[in-house]
Amino acid sequence: MDQQTNQSEPTAASEAVSRRGLLRAATVSAAAVGAAGLLAGPATAAPSAQGGHSGGRRRVPVDRISIQLYTLRDQLAADLPGTLDALRRIGYRRVEHAGFVGRTAAQFRAALDAAGLRATSGHTGIPQPFDDATWQRALEDAHTVGSKKIVHPYFGRDASGQAIRDPAVYRALARDLNRAGRLAERAGLDFGYHNHQLEFVPLTDGSTGFEILTGQTDPRLVHFELDLYWTWRGAHDPVDVIRANRGRIRQVHVKDLDVEGGFADLGDGVIDFGRIFAHEREAGIEEYIVERDDAGTAPRSPADALDTARVGFDYLASLRY
């Protein structure tokens, strides 16, 4: 949707319509797929005004735009140097890695350096059960690659594939996140947690995993990398999440939601990113990370993920709010 149709200052009514439409889409989506299939399955969505802030004076700093390399996983596996070079030509200066594409951390760093890119952040899961030595090796890899942030990427399913509903499991995870964050801090790294929609599933005591994680992790040790798509799919407005967790949302995954509840390139879906980014200072956002989970998978080709990367960079660089 053309962001130039947006107005610089949203009215309360327009914000309410946007919020209701997206929450309706997310709620219907979650209900449609059920607890056992929350990561897949379309749902009917009501489109909202996309980015109603294009006349504003604020913008996303270009040097803070990144991309999660999971978006290009198949293309990277086929041609690591060529894909990294293509990202640099698009305009990216920083990336967030999701593993090292079959290389060592040192080899991956060399490929980044050759392309003129920095992996300022990386997704690395904390060991479960937690083990200090294993995590320490991950922190050493983060330093080798040159990252400033290390982020736990996924949680929320039990051994049978069902959504976790036991609050004790989330409380135990919160303790491990604090432990991981303390070691990361000692190593000079910022530690974060990346959400999906599973953290917003109601638990047996009526709370949610996200409430437990934000309430029982130390703000000095654990920040949050808010995935805007998955937050909507969890039937939560990212603005509400920001307001409840001021200063802790230091990174955002910027991915769009289509009218069926699936993925879309930035600007082609229904999420009003300008409305969210208007709260960037309240959130504490330091990185805006483009991502699309299905960018290079059938029916799309791996090379199509570069189109997603290009559209995403151009969208963020041109957005005004």
C-alpha atoms as a PDB file:
ATOM      1  CA  MET A   1       0.000   0.000   0.000  1.00  0.00           C
ATOM      2  CA  ASP A   2       1.299   3.430  -0.913  1.00  0.00           C
ATOM      3  CA  GLN A   3       2.597   5.101   2.219  1.00  0.00           C
ATOM      4  CA  GLN A   4       2.227   8.516   0.574  1.00  0.00           C
ATOM      5  CA  THR A   5      -1.511   8.356   1.213  1.00  0.00           C
ATOM      6  CA  ASN A   6      -0.883   8.669   4.929  1.00  0.00           C
ATOM      7  CA  GLN A   7      -1.284  11.728   7.093  1.00  0.00           C
ATOM      8  CA  SER A   8       1.419  13.087   9.354  1.00  0.00           C
ATOM      9  CA  GLU A   9      -0.549  12.920  12.597  1.00  0.00           C
ATOM     10  CA  PRO A  10      -3.049  10.094  13.203  1.00  0.00           C
ATOM     11  CA  THR A  11      -6.320  10.949  14.871  1.00  0.00           C
ATOM     12  CA  ALA A  12      -7.506   8.953  17.866  1.00  0.00           C
ATOM     13  CA  ALA A  13     -10.233   7.492  15.671  1.00  0.00           C
ATOM     14  CA  SER A  14      -7.811   6.375  12.962  1.00  0.00           C
ATOM     15  CA  GLU A  15      -5.542   4.738  15.562  1.00  0.00           C
ATOM     16  CA  ALA A  16      -8.532   2.924  17.030  1.00  0.00           C
ATOM     17  CA  VAL A  17      -9.654   1.645  13.618  1.00  0.00           C
ATOM     18  CA  SER A  18      -6.122   0.507  12.782  1.00  0.00           C
ATOM     19  CA  ARG A  19      -5.731  -1.221  16.130  1.00  0.00           C
ATOM     20  CA  ARG A  20      -9.138  -2.919  16.001  1.00  0.00           C
ATOM     21  CA  GLY A  21      -8.579  -4.172  12.469  1.00  0.00           C
ATOM     22  CA  LEU A  22      -5.215  -5.711  13.189  1.00  0.00           C
ATOM     23  CA  LEU A  23      -6.217  -7.186  16.523  1.00  0.00           C
ATOM     24  CA  ARG A  24      -9.251  -8.710  14.839  1.00  0.00           C
ATOM     25  CA  ALA A  25      -6.979 -10.207  12.172  1.00  0.00           C
ATOM     26  CA  ALA A  26      -4.579 -11.558  14.757  1.00  0.00           C
ATOM     27  CA  THR A  27      -7.295 -12.939  17.013  1.00  0.00           C
ATOM     28  CA  VAL A  28      -9.113 -14.679  14.163  1.00  0.00           C
ATOM     29  CA  SER A  29      -5.794 -16.042  12.923  1.00  0.00           C
ATOM     30  CA  ALA A  30      -4.868 -17.492  16.301  1.00  0.00           C
ATOM     31  CA  ALA A  31      -8.313 -18.990  16.750  1.00  0.00           C
ATOM     32  CA  ALA A  32      -8.272 -20.482  13.257  1.00  0.00           C
ATOM     33  CA  VAL A  33      -5.023 -22.382  13.639  1.00  0.00           C
ATOM     34  CA  GLY A  34      -5.487 -23.525  17.217  1.00  0.00           C
ATOM     35  CA  ALA A  35      -2.994 -24.096  20.008  1.00  0.00           C
ATOM     36  CA  ALA A  36      -1.231 -26.938  18.192  1.00  0.00           C
ATOM     37  CA  GLY A  37      -0.647 -24.976  14.983  1.00  0.00           C
ATOM     38  CA  LEU A  38      -0.039 -21.416  16.011  1.00  0.00           C
ATOM     39  CA  LEU A  39       2.914 -20.969  13.683  1.00  0.00           C
ATOM     40  CA  ALA A  40       1.016 -21.808  10.513  1.00  0.00           C
ATOM     41  CA  GLY A  41      -2.288 -21.290   8.812  1.00  0.00           C
ATOM     42  CA  PRO A  42      -4.009 -18.252   7.277  1.00  0.00           C
ATOM     43  CA  ALA A  43      -6.866 -16.304   8.719  1.00  0.00           C
ATOM     44  CA  THR A  44      -9.131 -13.558   7.480  1.00  0.00           C
ATOM     45  CA  ALA A  45      -7.831 -10.088   8.240  1.00  0.00           C
ATOM     46  CA  ALA A  46      -9.357  -6.655   7.955  1.00  0.00           C
ATOM     47  CA  PRO A  47      -6.905  -4.242   6.326  1.00  0.00           C
ATOM     48  CA  SER A  48      -5.941  -1.143   8.248  1.00  0.00           C
ATOM     49  CA  ALA A  49      -4.445   2.148   7.150  1.00  0.00           C
ATOM     50  CA  GLN A  50      -0.845   1.293   6.256  1.00  0.00           C
ATOM     51  CA  GLY A  51       1.532   3.762   7.811  1.00  0.00           C
ATOM     52  CA  GLY A  52      -0.681   6.782   8.430  1.00  0.00           C
ATOM     53  CA  HIS A  53       2.307   9.017   9.200  1.00  0.00           C
ATOM     54  CA  SER A  54       4.091   9.634   5.888  1.00  0.00           C
ATOM     55  CA  GLY A  55       3.933  13.418   6.259  1.00  0.00           C
ATOM     56  CA  GLY A  56       5.865  13.429   9.533  1.00  0.00           C
ATOM     57  CA  ARG A  57       9.391  14.675  10.084  1.00  0.00           C
ATOM     58  CA  ARG A  58      10.761  11.601  11.819  1.00  0.00           C
ATOM     59  CA  ARG A  59      12.426   8.774   9.959  1.00  0.00           C
ATOM     60  CA  VAL A  60      14.224   5.511  10.595  1.00  0.00           C
ATOM     61  CA  PRO A  61      17.980   6.228  10.698  1.00  0.00           C
ATOM     62  CA  VAL A  62      19.448   4.443   7.684  1.00  0.00           C
ATOM     63  CA  ASP A  63      22.452   3.301   9.672  1.00  0.00           C
ATOM     64  CA  ARG A  64      20.131   1.459  12.078  1.00  0.00           C
ATOM     65  CA  ILE A  65      18.380  -0.579   9.378  1.00  0.00           C
ATOM     66  CA  SER A  66      19.421  -4.239   9.476  1.00  0.00           C
ATOM     67  CA  ILE A  67      18.159  -7.520   8.050  1.00  0.00           C
ATOM     68  CA  GLN A  68      17.770 -10.907   9.683  1.00  0.00           C
ATOM     69  CA  LEU A  69      19.764 -13.263   7.469  1.00  0.00           C
ATOM     70  CA  TYR A  70      17.263 -16.082   8.072  1.00  0.00           C
ATOM     71  CA  THR A  71      15.274 -14.227   5.399  1.00  0.00           C
ATOM     72  CA  LEU A  72      17.969 -15.202   2.862  1.00  0.00           C
ATOM     73  CA  ARG A  73      18.988 -18.568   4.268  1.00  0.00           C
ATOM     74  CA  ASP A  74      18.712 -20.542   1.005  1.00  0.00           C
ATOM     75  CA  GLN A  75      20.384 -17.838  -1.070  1.00  0.00           C
ATOM     76  CA  LEU A  76      23.210 -17.537   1.462  1.00  0.00           C
ATOM     77  CA  ALA A  77      23.745 -21.303   1.380  1.00  0.00           C
ATOM     78  CA  ALA A  78      24.020 -21.183  -2.406  1.00  0.00           C
ATOM     79  CA  ASP A  79      26.233 -18.089  -2.649  1.00  0.00           C
ATOM     80  CA  LEU A  80      27.410 -16.516   0.602  1.00  0.00           C
ATOM     81  CA  PRO A  81      29.772 -13.849  -0.781  1.00  0.00           C
ATOM     82  CA  GLY A  82      27.479 -12.891  -3.644  1.00  0.00           C
ATOM     83  CA  THR A  83      24.435 -12.562  -1.404  1.00  0.00           C
ATOM     84  CA  LEU A  84      26.263 -10.477   1.188  1.00  0.00           C
ATOM     85  CA  ASP A  85      27.610  -8.241  -1.567  1.00  0.00           C
ATOM     86  CA  ALA A  86      24.077  -7.808  -2.932  1.00  0.00           C
ATOM     87  CA  LEU A  87      22.850  -6.706   0.497  1.00  0.00           C
ATOM     88  CA  ARG A  88      25.625  -4.118   0.668  1.00  0.00           C
ATOM     89  CA  ARG A  89      24.651  -2.783  -2.768  1.00  0.00           C
ATOM     90  CA  ILE A  90      21.027  -2.471  -1.644  1.00  0.00           C
ATOM     91  CA  GLY A  91      22.206  -0.194   1.151  1.00  0.00           C
ATOM     92  CA  TYR A  92      22.507  -2.399   4.213  1.00  0.00           C
ATOM     93  CA  ARG A  93      25.476  -1.792   6.480  1.00  0.00           C
ATOM     94  CA  ARG A  94      24.472  -4.151   9.280  1.00  0.00           C
ATOM     95  CA  VAL A  95      22.881  -7.596   9.467  1.00  0.00           C
ATOM     96  CA  GLU A  96      21.635  -9.982  12.126  1.00  0.00           C
ATOM     97  CA  HIS A  97      22.940 -13.498  11.652  1.00  0.00           C
ATOM     98  CA  ALA A  98      21.120 -16.765  12.354  1.00  0.00           C
ATOM     99  CA  GLY A  99      24.077 -19.116  12.425  1.00  0.00           C
ATOM    100  CA  PHE A 100      27.156 -19.021  10.236  1.00  0.00           C
ATOM    101  CA  VAL A 101      25.990 -20.810   7.062  1.00  0.00           C
ATOM    102  CA  GLY A 102      28.263 -23.794   7.590  1.00  0.00           C
ATOM    103  CA  ARG A 103      31.303 -21.618   8.340  1.00  0.00           C
ATOM    104  CA  THR A 104      33.169 -20.983  11.541  1.00  0.00           C
ATOM    105  CA  ALA A 105      32.566 -17.675  13.254  1.00  0.00           C
ATOM    106  CA  ALA A 106      35.934 -16.431  11.974  1.00  0.00           C
ATOM    107  CA  GLN A 107      35.182 -17.490   8.383  1.00  0.00           C
ATOM    108  CA  PHE A 108      31.762 -15.858   8.531  1.00  0.00           C
ATOM    109  CA  ARG A 109      33.304 -12.641   9.876  1.00  0.00           C
ATOM    110  CA  ALA A 110      35.769 -12.652   6.984  1.00  0.00           C
ATOM    111  CA  ALA A 111      32.897 -12.925   4.485  1.00  0.00           C
ATOM    112  CA  LEU A 112      31.095 -10.029   6.170  1.00  0.00           C
ATOM    113  CA  ASP A 113      34.242  -7.904   6.162  1.00  0.00           C
ATOM    114  CA  ALA A 114      34.790  -8.575   2.462  1.00  0.00           C
ATOM    115  CA  ALA A 115      31.260  -7.362   1.729  1.00  0.00           C
ATOM    116  CA  GLY A 116      31.528  -4.299   3.952  1.00  0.00           C
ATOM    117  CA  LEU A 117      28.874  -5.527   6.406  1.00  0.00           C
ATOM    118  CA  ARG A 118      28.729  -5.852  10.201  1.00  0.00           C
ATOM    119  CA  ALA A 119      26.782  -8.521  12.088  1.00  0.00           C
ATOM    120  CA  THR A 120      25.793  -6.218  14.924  1.00  0.00           C
ATOM    121  CA  SER A 121      23.375  -8.816  16.301  1.00  0.00           C
ATOM    122  CA  GLY A 122      22.922 -12.569  16.143  1.00  0.00           C
ATOM    123  CA  HIS A 123      20.376 -15.241  17.028  1.00  0.00           C
ATOM    124  CA  THR A 124      21.822 -17.905  19.296  1.00  0.00           C
ATOM    125  CA  GLY A 125      19.664 -20.046  21.569  1.00  0.00           C
ATOM    126  CA  ILE A 126      20.639 -20.406  25.184  1.00  0.00           C
ATOM    127  CA  PRO A 127      21.494 -24.000  26.140  1.00  0.00           C
ATOM    128  CA  GLN A 128      18.662 -25.990  27.697  1.00  0.00           C
ATOM    129  CA  PRO A 129      19.334 -27.178  30.318  1.00  0.00           C
ATOM    130  CA  PHE A 130      21.483 -24.129  30.893  1.00  0.00           C
ATOM    131  CA  ASP A 131      25.231 -24.678  30.844  1.00  0.00           C
ATOM    132  CA  ASP A 132      27.673 -21.859  31.525  1.00  0.00           C
ATOM    133  CA  ALA A 133      30.524 -23.284  29.446  1.00  0.00           C
ATOM    134  CA  THR A 134      28.342 -23.843  26.371  1.00  0.00           C
ATOM    135  CA  TRP A 135      26.946 -20.323  26.595  1.00  0.00           C
ATOM    136  CA  GLN A 136      30.398 -18.885  27.082  1.00  0.00           C
ATOM    137  CA  ARG A 137      31.480 -20.407  23.775  1.00  0.00           C
ATOM    138  CA  ALA A 138      28.504 -18.769  22.085  1.00  0.00           C
ATOM    139  CA  LEU A 139      29.523 -15.421  23.564  1.00  0.00           C
ATOM    140  CA  GLU A 140      33.047 -15.915  22.257  1.00  0.00           C
ATOM    141  CA  ASP A 141      31.645 -16.575  18.771  1.00  0.00           C
ATOM    142  CA  ALA A 142      29.595 -13.389  19.058  1.00  0.00           C
ATOM    143  CA  HIS A 143      32.770 -11.433  19.760  1.00  0.00           C
ATOM    144  CA  THR A 144      34.542 -13.086  16.834  1.00  0.00           C
ATOM    145  CA  VAL A 145      31.754 -12.107  14.456  1.00  0.00           C
ATOM    146  CA  GLY A 146      31.735  -8.587  15.885  1.00  0.00           C
ATOM    147  CA  SER A 147      28.239  -8.569  17.371  1.00  0.00           C
ATOM    148  CA  LYS A 148      27.107  -6.156  20.049  1.00  0.00           C
ATOM    149  CA  LYS A 149      23.893  -8.027  20.766  1.00  0.00           C
ATOM    150  CA  ILE A 150      23.061 -11.711  21.133  1.00  0.00           C
ATOM    151  CA  VAL A 151      19.423 -12.803  21.069  1.00  0.00           C
ATOM    152  CA  HIS A 152      17.593 -15.978  22.088  1.00  0.00           C
ATOM    153  CA  PRO A 153      15.394 -16.672  19.048  1.00  0.00           C
ATOM    154  CA  TYR A 154      12.592 -19.086  19.949  1.00  0.00           C
ATOM    155  CA  PHE A 155      10.546 -20.673  22.726  1.00  0.00           C
ATOM    156  CA  GLY A 156       6.993 -21.789  23.340  1.00  0.00           C
ATOM    157  CA  ARG A 157       6.364 -25.423  22.351  1.00  0.00           C
ATOM    158  CA  ASP A 158       6.593 -28.504  24.534  1.00  0.00           C
ATOM    159  CA  ALA A 159       8.075 -31.860  23.524  1.00  0.00           C
ATOM    160  CA  SER A 160       4.833 -32.875  21.797  1.00  0.00           C
ATOM    161  CA  GLY A 161       4.697 -29.693  19.738  1.00  0.00           C
ATOM    162  CA  GLN A 162       1.896 -28.110  21.730  1.00  0.00           C
ATOM    163  CA  ALA A 163       1.944 -24.553  23.007  1.00  0.00           C
ATOM    164  CA  ILE A 164       3.405 -24.412  26.519  1.00  0.00           C
ATOM    165  CA  ARG A 165       0.723 -23.494  29.041  1.00  0.00           C
ATOM    166  CA  ASP A 166       2.505 -24.215  32.322  1.00  0.00           C
ATOM    167  CA  PRO A 167       3.607 -20.944  33.942  1.00  0.00           C
ATOM    168  CA  ALA A 168       6.360 -22.776  35.837  1.00  0.00           C
ATOM    169  CA  VAL A 169       8.101 -23.495  32.530  1.00  0.00           C
ATOM    170  CA  TYR A 170       8.190 -19.795  31.678  1.00  0.00           C
ATOM    171  CA  ARG A 171       9.379 -18.920  35.171  1.00  0.00           C
ATOM    172  CA  ALA A 172      12.259 -21.378  34.736  1.00  0.00           C
ATOM    173  CA  LEU A 173      13.065 -19.836  31.357  1.00  0.00           C
ATOM    174  CA  ALA A 174      13.116 -16.369  32.920  1.00  0.00           C
ATOM    175  CA  ARG A 175      15.714 -17.569  35.437  1.00  0.00           C
ATOM    176  CA  ASP A 176      17.846 -18.963  32.615  1.00  0.00           C
ATOM    177  CA  LEU A 177      17.518 -15.745  30.624  1.00  0.00           C
ATOM    178  CA  ASN A 178      18.757 -13.765  33.605  1.00  0.00           C
ATOM    179  CA  ARG A 179      21.673 -16.147  33.938  1.00  0.00           C
ATOM    180  CA  ALA A 180      22.498 -15.845  30.230  1.00  0.00           C
ATOM    181  CA  GLY A 181      22.142 -12.067  30.382  1.00  0.00           C
ATOM    182  CA  ARG A 182      24.502 -11.805  33.339  1.00  0.00           C
ATOM    183  CA  LEU A 183      27.215 -13.748  31.500  1.00  0.00           C
ATOM    184  CA  ALA A 184      26.612 -11.698  28.348  1.00  0.00           C
ATOM    185  CA  GLU A 185      26.961  -8.473  30.321  1.00  0.00           C
ATOM    186  CA  ARG A 186      30.285  -9.648  31.739  1.00  0.00           C
ATOM    187  CA  ALA A 187      31.391 -10.368  28.176  1.00  0.00           C
ATOM    188  CA  GLY A 188      30.418  -6.858  27.064  1.00  0.00           C
ATOM    189  CA  LEU A 189      27.341  -7.949  25.099  1.00  0.00           C
ATOM    190  CA  ASP A 190      23.657  -7.001  25.264  1.00  0.00           C
ATOM    191  CA  PHE A 191      21.354 -10.010  25.601  1.00  0.00           C
ATOM    192  CA  GLY A 192      17.835 -10.071  24.197  1.00  0.00           C
ATOM    193  CA  TYR A 193      14.805 -12.311  23.723  1.00  0.00           C
ATOM    194  CA  HIS A 194      12.884 -12.612  20.450  1.00  0.00           C
ATOM    195  CA  ASN A 195       9.183 -13.442  20.621  1.00  0.00           C
ATOM    196  CA  HIS A 196       6.746 -15.320  18.446  1.00  0.00           C
ATOM    197  CA  GLN A 197       3.002 -15.488  19.116  1.00  0.00           C
ATOM    198  CA  LEU A 198       3.313 -18.461  21.470  1.00  0.00           C
ATOM    199  CA  GLU A 199       4.377 -16.215  24.348  1.00  0.00           C
ATOM    200  CA  PHE A 200       0.927 -14.591  24.208  1.00  0.00           C
ATOM    201  CA  VAL A 201      -1.059 -17.841  24.578  1.00  0.00           C
ATOM    202  CA  PRO A 202      -3.012 -17.820  27.889  1.00  0.00           C
ATOM    203  CA  LEU A 203      -1.429 -20.056  30.506  1.00  0.00           C
ATOM    204  CA  THR A 204      -3.234 -22.191  33.055  1.00  0.00           C
ATOM    205  CA  ASP A 205      -3.118 -19.416  35.652  1.00  0.00           C
ATOM    206  CA  GLY A 206      -4.520 -16.801  33.273  1.00  0.00           C
ATOM    207  CA  SER A 207      -1.204 -15.042  32.670  1.00  0.00           C
ATOM    208  CA  THR A 208       0.907 -15.237  29.516  1.00  0.00           C
ATOM    209  CA  GLY A 209       4.471 -16.303  28.961  1.00  0.00           C
ATOM    210  CA  PHE A 210       5.317 -12.810  27.773  1.00  0.00           C
ATOM    211  CA  GLU A 211       4.048 -11.317  31.029  1.00  0.00           C
ATOM    212  CA  ILE A 212       6.203 -13.739  33.009  1.00  0.00           C
ATOM    213  CA  LEU A 213       9.295 -13.098  30.892  1.00  0.00           C
ATOM    214  CA  THR A 214       8.984  -9.317  31.070  1.00  0.00           C
ATOM    215  CA  GLY A 215       8.078  -9.386  34.747  1.00  0.00           C
ATOM    216  CA  GLN A 216      10.684 -11.849  35.974  1.00  0.00           C
ATOM    217  CA  THR A 217      13.734 -10.960  33.894  1.00  0.00           C
ATOM    218  CA  ASP A 218      16.095  -8.210  35.009  1.00  0.00           C
ATOM    219  CA  PRO A 219      15.786  -5.132  32.737  1.00  0.00           C
ATOM    220  CA  ARG A 220      19.510  -4.563  33.175  1.00  0.00           C
ATOM    221  CA  LEU A 221      20.280  -8.017  31.779  1.00  0.00           C
ATOM    222  CA  VAL A 222      17.526  -8.869  29.290  1.00  0.00           C
ATOM    223  CA  HIS A 223      15.977  -6.666  26.606  1.00  0.00           C
ATOM    224  CA  PHE A 224      13.365  -7.680  24.054  1.00  0.00           C
ATOM    225  CA  GLU A 225      13.539  -7.920  20.300  1.00  0.00           C
ATOM    226  CA  LEU A 226       9.871  -7.415  19.486  1.00  0.00           C
ATOM    227  CA  ASP A 227       8.718  -9.213  16.355  1.00  0.00           C
ATOM    228  CA  LEU A 228       5.934  -6.959  15.133  1.00  0.00           C
ATOM    229  CA  TYR A 229       4.297  -9.589  12.917  1.00  0.00           C
ATOM    230  CA  TRP A 230       4.226 -12.290  15.576  1.00  0.00           C
ATOM    231  CA  THR A 231       3.026  -9.825  18.196  1.00  0.00           C
ATOM    232  CA  TRP A 232      -0.015  -9.034  16.053  1.00  0.00           C
ATOM    233  CA  ARG A 233      -0.530 -12.756  15.393  1.00  0.00           C
ATOM    234  CA  GLY A 234      -0.556 -13.151  19.168  1.00  0.00           C
ATOM    235  CA  ALA A 235      -3.457 -10.661  19.231  1.00  0.00           C
ATOM    236  CA  HIS A 236      -1.408  -7.915  20.905  1.00  0.00           C
ATOM    237  CA  ASP A 237      -0.849  -4.368  19.718  1.00  0.00           C
ATOM    238  CA  PRO A 238       2.911  -3.626  19.661  1.00  0.00           C
ATOM    239  CA  VAL A 239       2.195  -0.103  20.920  1.00  0.00           C
ATOM    240  CA  ASP A 240       0.566  -1.554  24.035  1.00  0.00           C
ATOM    241  CA  VAL A 241       3.564  -3.856  24.518  1.00  0.00           C
ATOM    242  CA  ILE A 242       5.934  -0.896  24.207  1.00  0.00           C
ATOM    243  CA  ARG A 243       3.951   1.161  26.711  1.00  0.00           C
ATOM    244  CA  ALA A 244       4.069  -1.695  29.211  1.00  0.00           C
ATOM    245  CA  ASN A 245       7.818  -2.241  28.725  1.00  0.00           C
ATOM    246  CA  ARG A 246       9.351   1.190  28.291  1.00  0.00           C
ATOM    247  CA  GLY A 247      13.023   1.145  27.416  1.00  0.00           C
ATOM    248  CA  ARG A 248      13.197  -2.627  26.978  1.00  0.00           C
ATOM    249  CA  ILE A 249      12.276  -2.967  23.287  1.00  0.00           C
ATOM    250  CA  ARG A 250      15.726  -2.252  21.889  1.00  0.00           C
ATOM    251  CA  GLN A 251      15.267  -4.157  18.637  1.00  0.00           C
ATOM    252  CA  VAL A 252      12.276  -4.779  16.382  1.00  0.00           C
ATOM    253  CA  HIS A 253      11.770  -7.347  13.657  1.00  0.00           C
ATOM    254  CA  VAL A 254       9.939  -5.480  10.939  1.00  0.00           C
ATOM    255  CA  LYS A 255       7.816  -7.877   8.917  1.00  0.00           C
ATOM    256  CA  ASP A 256       4.405  -7.287   7.393  1.00  0.00           C
ATOM    257  CA  LEU A 257       1.109  -9.167   7.746  1.00  0.00           C
ATOM    258  CA  ASP A 258      -1.063  -9.806   4.693  1.00  0.00           C
ATOM    259  CA  VAL A 259      -4.857  -9.827   4.732  1.00  0.00           C
ATOM    260  CA  GLU A 260      -4.912 -13.610   5.116  1.00  0.00           C
ATOM    261  CA  GLY A 261      -2.664 -13.569   8.183  1.00  0.00           C
ATOM    262  CA  GLY A 262       0.454 -14.620   6.264  1.00  0.00           C
ATOM    263  CA  PHE A 263       3.703 -12.833   5.462  1.00  0.00           C
ATOM    264  CA  ALA A 264       4.113  -9.872   3.124  1.00  0.00           C
ATOM    265  CA  ASP A 265       6.933  -7.632   1.975  1.00  0.00           C
ATOM    266  CA  LEU A 266       7.073  -4.356   3.872  1.00  0.00           C
ATOM    267  CA  GLY A 267       4.414  -1.941   2.682  1.00  0.00           C
ATOM    268  CA  ASP A 268       2.342  -4.654   0.986  1.00  0.00           C
ATOM    269  CA  GLY A 269       0.530  -5.715   4.161  1.00  0.00           C
ATOM    270  CA  VAL A 270      -1.689  -4.171   6.801  1.00  0.00           C
ATOM    271  CA  ILE A 271       0.668  -3.191   9.637  1.00  0.00           C
ATOM    272  CA  ASP A 272       0.975   0.534  10.276  1.00  0.00           C
ATOM    273  CA  PHE A 273       4.690   0.686  11.067  1.00  0.00           C
ATOM    274  CA  GLY A 274       4.771   4.463  11.322  1.00  0.00           C
ATOM    275  CA  ARG A 275       2.274   4.353  14.165  1.00  0.00           C
ATOM    276  CA  ILE A 276       4.507   1.884  16.028  1.00  0.00           C
ATOM    277  CA  PHE A 277       7.759   3.714  15.322  1.00  0.00           C
ATOM    278  CA  ALA A 278       6.246   6.935  16.632  1.00  0.00           C
ATOM    279  CA  HIS A 279       6.893   5.283  20.032  1.00  0.00           C
ATOM    280  CA  GLU A 280      10.541   4.441  19.247  1.00  0.00           C
ATOM    281  CA  ARG A 281      11.982   6.619  22.006  1.00  0.00           C
ATOM    282  CA  GLU A 282       9.580   5.215  24.565  1.00  0.00           C
ATOM    283  CA  ALA A 283      10.531   1.717  23.436  1.00  0.00           C
ATOM    284  CA  GLY A 284      14.272   2.354  23.288  1.00  0.00           C
ATOM    285  CA  ILE A 285      14.622   0.991  19.728  1.00  0.00           C
ATOM    286  CA  GLU A 286      18.207   0.777  18.509  1.00  0.00           C
ATOM    287  CA  GLU A 287      17.785  -1.502  15.469  1.00  0.00           C
ATOM    288  CA  TYR A 288      15.074  -1.946  12.830  1.00  0.00           C
ATOM    289  CA  ILE A 289      15.551  -5.433  11.392  1.00  0.00           C
ATOM    290  CA  VAL A 290      13.840  -6.455   8.144  1.00  0.00           C
ATOM    291  CA  GLU A 291      12.613 -10.041   8.067  1.00  0.00           C
ATOM    292  CA  ARG A 292      10.256 -12.284   6.139  1.00  0.00           C
ATOM    293  CA  ASP A 293      10.140 -15.908   7.229  1.00  0.00           C
ATOM    294  CA  ASP A 294       9.055 -17.341   3.861  1.00  0.00           C
ATOM    295  CA  ALA A 295      10.970 -14.960   1.589  1.00  0.00           C
ATOM    296  CA  GLY A 296      12.888 -17.647  -0.307  1.00  0.00           C
ATOM    297  CA  THR A 297      10.724 -20.744   0.039  1.00  0.00           C
ATOM    298  CA  ALA A 298       8.270 -22.234  -2.464  1.00  0.00           C
ATOM    299  CA  PRO A 299       6.391 -20.949  -4.326  1.00  0.00           C
ATOM    300  CA  ARG A 300       9.026 -18.198  -4.195  1.00  0.00           C
ATOM    301  CA  SER A 301      12.610 -18.881  -5.251  1.00  0.00           C
ATOM    302  CA  PRO A 302      15.668 -18.264  -3.052  1.00  0.00           C
ATOM    303  CA  ALA A 303      16.606 -15.304  -5.260  1.00  0.00           C
ATOM    304  CA  ASP A 304      13.236 -13.690  -4.479  1.00  0.00           C
ATOM    305  CA  ALA A 305      14.494 -13.116  -0.938  1.00  0.00           C
ATOM    306  CA  LEU A 306      16.772 -10.406  -2.328  1.00  0.00           C
ATOM    307  CA  ASP A 307      13.684  -8.624  -3.651  1.00  0.00           C
ATOM    308  CA  THR A 308      12.229  -8.786  -0.137  1.00  0.00           C
ATOM    309  CA  ALA A 309      15.479  -7.340   1.209  1.00  0.00           C
ATOM    310  CA  ARG A 310      15.444  -4.512  -1.322  1.00  0.00           C
ATOM    311  CA  VAL A 311      11.779  -3.643  -0.761  1.00  0.00           C
ATOM    312  CA  GLY A 312      12.285  -3.720   3.003  1.00  0.00           C
ATOM    313  CA  PHE A 313      15.301  -1.428   2.982  1.00  0.00           C
ATOM    314  CA  ASP A 314      13.677   1.069   0.619  1.00  0.00           C
ATOM    315  CA  TYR A 315      10.463   1.065   2.650  1.00  0.00           C
ATOM    316  CA  LEU A 316      12.200   1.805   5.955  1.00  0.00           C
ATOM    317  CA  ALA A 317      14.537   4.373   4.414  1.00  0.00           C
ATOM    318  CA  SER A 318      11.621   6.297   2.899  1.00  0.00           C
ATOM    319  CA  LEU A 319       9.110   6.010   5.763  1.00  0.00           C
ATOM    320  CA  ARG A 320       8.145   9.266   7.480  1.00  0.00           C
ATOM    321  CA  TYR A 321       6.028   9.373  10.602  1.00  0.00           C
END
